[in-house]
Protein backbone atom coordinates (compact mmCIF):
# COMPACT_ATOMS: atom_id res chain seq x y z
CA MET A 1 -292.22 56.95 17.37
CA ASN A 2 -295.97 57.20 17.75
CA LYS A 3 -298.26 56.92 14.74
CA GLN A 4 -299.60 60.48 14.97
CA ARG A 5 -296.11 62.00 14.90
CA ALA A 6 -295.13 59.78 11.98
CA LYS A 7 -298.21 61.00 10.07
CA GLU A 8 -297.28 64.63 10.82
CA ILE A 9 -293.76 64.08 9.49
CA ALA A 10 -295.03 62.30 6.36
CA ALA A 11 -297.42 65.20 5.62
CA SER A 12 -294.89 67.96 6.32
CA PRO A 13 -292.92 69.64 3.51
CA VAL A 14 -290.03 70.01 5.97
CA MET A 15 -287.52 67.16 6.06
CA ALA A 16 -287.30 65.56 9.50
CA ASN A 17 -284.31 63.63 10.82
CA VAL A 18 -285.82 60.15 11.13
CA THR A 19 -283.98 56.84 11.28
CA CYS A 20 -284.90 53.18 11.14
CA ASP A 21 -282.26 50.86 12.60
CA GLY A 22 -279.82 53.78 12.50
CA ILE A 23 -280.35 54.49 8.79
CA PRO A 24 -281.72 57.94 7.80
CA VAL A 25 -285.07 57.43 6.07
CA TYR A 26 -287.90 59.33 4.40
CA ILE A 27 -291.46 58.51 5.47
CA GLN A 28 -293.77 58.23 2.46
CA HIS A 29 -296.99 57.00 4.02
CA ILE A 30 -298.48 55.66 7.25
CA ASP A 31 -300.90 52.71 7.15
CA ASP A 32 -303.36 53.43 9.98
CA ASP A 33 -304.85 49.94 9.98
CA ASN A 34 -301.58 48.10 10.49
CA ASP A 35 -299.39 50.75 12.21
CA MET A 36 -296.87 50.37 9.40
CA ALA A 37 -294.81 53.06 7.67
CA ARG A 38 -293.78 53.05 4.01
CA ILE A 39 -290.22 54.37 3.99
CA TYR A 40 -287.00 54.44 2.01
CA PRO A 41 -283.38 55.18 2.92
CA LEU A 42 -282.42 58.73 1.93
CA ASP A 43 -279.46 57.49 -0.11
CA GLN A 44 -281.45 54.68 -1.80
CA PRO A 45 -284.92 55.93 -2.80
CA GLU A 46 -285.50 52.80 -4.89
CA GLN A 47 -285.32 50.65 -1.73
CA GLU A 48 -288.88 51.19 -0.50
CA MET A 49 -290.01 49.05 2.43
CA SER A 50 -292.74 48.79 5.04
CA VAL A 51 -291.71 48.82 8.70
CA PRO A 52 -293.56 49.11 12.01
CA VAL A 53 -294.04 52.74 13.03
CA ALA A 54 -292.53 51.83 16.41
CA SER A 55 -289.18 51.10 14.70
CA LEU A 56 -288.81 54.75 13.60
CA ARG A 57 -286.84 57.25 15.66
CA GLU A 58 -286.91 61.04 15.34
CA HIS A 59 -283.73 62.93 16.15
CA GLY A 60 -282.94 66.63 16.64
CA GLU A 61 -282.88 69.26 13.93
CA TYR A 62 -281.67 68.19 10.50
């Protein structure tokens, strides 16, 4: 996923179908300086992590 699209998803009130390594995730924030995304798995919101934006994949409608 490109950084601009990740930022759009993070800012949107509409839930997007995004995965990281096949796991559905929620994008909290995009770090412009490092091209990293702060995310957490949808079923484990306490498991926050930072991953490269390039590791995120957007899928069809949720």
